[in-house]
Amino acid sequence: MPYNRVTQLQSRMIIGMKQTLKSMNNGVISEIFIAKDVDQFITDKIIEEAKRFDIPYTLVDSKKQLGKACNIDVDASVVAIKHG
């Protein structure tokens, strides 16, 4: 399950759209998790950039669950994992 993967890789996490986009441009991202229940604009922008940089991405059902997997008390729309 993708949430378990996020939890396992906490030391390499980047949370949020702005930080993810910045890190993608810097070439430090190995994969991305995107919540399906966020604004379409966010989903489209992240997916577009992920394809441009050839970064694999996974859509997950809930931003609430994604935030929980990150051990934060708020929702997370996007979580990126840095190269190990």
Protein backbone atom coordinates (compact mmCIF):
# COMPACT_ATOMS: atom_id res chain seq x y z
CA MET A 1 0.00 0.00 0.00
CA PRO A 2 1.40 3.43 -0.93
CA TYR A 3 0.76 4.91 2.54
CA ASN A 4 3.08 2.33 4.11
CA ARG A 5 5.80 3.23 1.61
CA VAL A 6 5.50 6.91 2.54
CA THR A 7 5.75 6.07 6.24
CA GLN A 8 8.86 3.93 5.65
CA LEU A 9 10.63 6.74 3.75
CA GLN A 10 9.97 9.60 6.18
CA SER A 11 13.60 10.67 6.36
CA ARG A 12 13.54 11.36 2.59
CA MET A 13 10.13 13.09 2.39
CA ILE A 14 9.22 16.45 0.94
CA ILE A 15 5.67 17.54 1.71
CA GLY A 16 3.57 19.97 -0.31
CA MET A 17 3.17 21.17 -3.88
CA LYS A 18 5.60 24.12 -3.87
CA GLN A 19 8.45 22.20 -2.26
CA THR A 20 7.82 19.21 -4.53
CA LEU A 21 7.90 21.34 -7.70
CA LYS A 22 11.08 23.07 -6.54
CA SER A 23 12.75 19.76 -5.74
CA MET A 24 11.68 18.25 -9.06
CA ASN A 25 13.37 21.14 -10.86
CA ASN A 26 16.50 20.50 -8.80
CA GLY A 27 16.52 16.82 -9.82
CA VAL A 28 16.40 15.32 -6.34
CA ILE A 29 13.08 13.44 -6.48
CA SER A 30 12.75 9.69 -7.09
CA GLU A 31 8.97 9.31 -6.77
CA ILE A 32 5.81 11.24 -5.92
CA PHE A 33 2.53 10.47 -4.15
CA ILE A 34 -0.49 12.62 -5.06
CA ALA A 35 -3.84 12.61 -3.24
CA LYS A 36 -6.83 12.17 -5.56
CA ASP A 37 -9.07 14.40 -3.44
CA VAL A 38 -7.19 17.67 -4.08
CA ASP A 39 -7.95 20.38 -6.62
CA GLN A 40 -7.56 19.20 -10.19
CA PHE A 41 -5.14 22.09 -10.79
CA ILE A 42 -2.69 20.63 -8.26
CA THR A 43 -2.99 17.11 -9.61
CA ASP A 44 -2.55 18.24 -13.21
CA LYS A 45 0.46 20.44 -12.44
CA ILE A 46 2.32 17.77 -10.47
CA ILE A 47 1.57 15.03 -13.00
CA GLU A 48 2.63 17.27 -15.89
CA GLU A 49 5.97 18.02 -14.22
CA ALA A 50 6.48 14.40 -13.16
CA LYS A 51 6.08 13.30 -16.77
CA ARG A 52 8.42 16.03 -17.96
CA PHE A 53 11.15 14.88 -15.56
CA ASP A 54 10.27 11.17 -15.98
CA ILE A 55 9.50 10.75 -12.27
CA PRO A 56 7.12 7.92 -11.32
CA TYR A 57 4.02 8.97 -9.41
CA THR A 58 1.24 7.21 -7.53
CA LEU A 59 -2.27 8.51 -6.94
CA VAL A 60 -3.60 7.80 -3.45
CA ASP A 61 -7.19 8.10 -2.27
CA SER A 62 -6.97 10.61 0.56
CA LYS A 63 -4.98 13.72 1.48
CA LYS A 64 -5.96 13.10 5.09
CA GLN A 65 -4.45 9.58 5.01
CA LEU A 66 -1.38 10.88 3.16
CA GLY A 67 -0.83 13.45 5.90
CA LYS A 68 -1.27 10.75 8.52
CA ALA A 69 1.32 8.58 6.73
CA CYS A 70 3.72 11.53 6.96
CA ASN A 71 3.08 11.81 10.71
CA ILE A 72 1.73 15.35 10.39
CA ASP A 73 -1.50 16.68 11.86
CA VAL A 74 -2.74 18.24 8.62
CA ASP A 75 -3.67 16.93 5.19
CA ALA A 76 -0.94 16.43 2.58
CA SER A 77 -1.85 16.92 -1.07
CA VAL A 78 1.55 15.88 -2.44
CA VAL A 79 4.51 14.01 -0.98
CA ALA A 80 7.76 13.54 -2.84
CA ILE A 81 10.56 11.14 -1.97
CA LYS A 82 14.15 12.26 -2.46
CA HIS A 83 16.73 9.97 -4.05
CA GLY A 84 18.32 7.67 -1.52
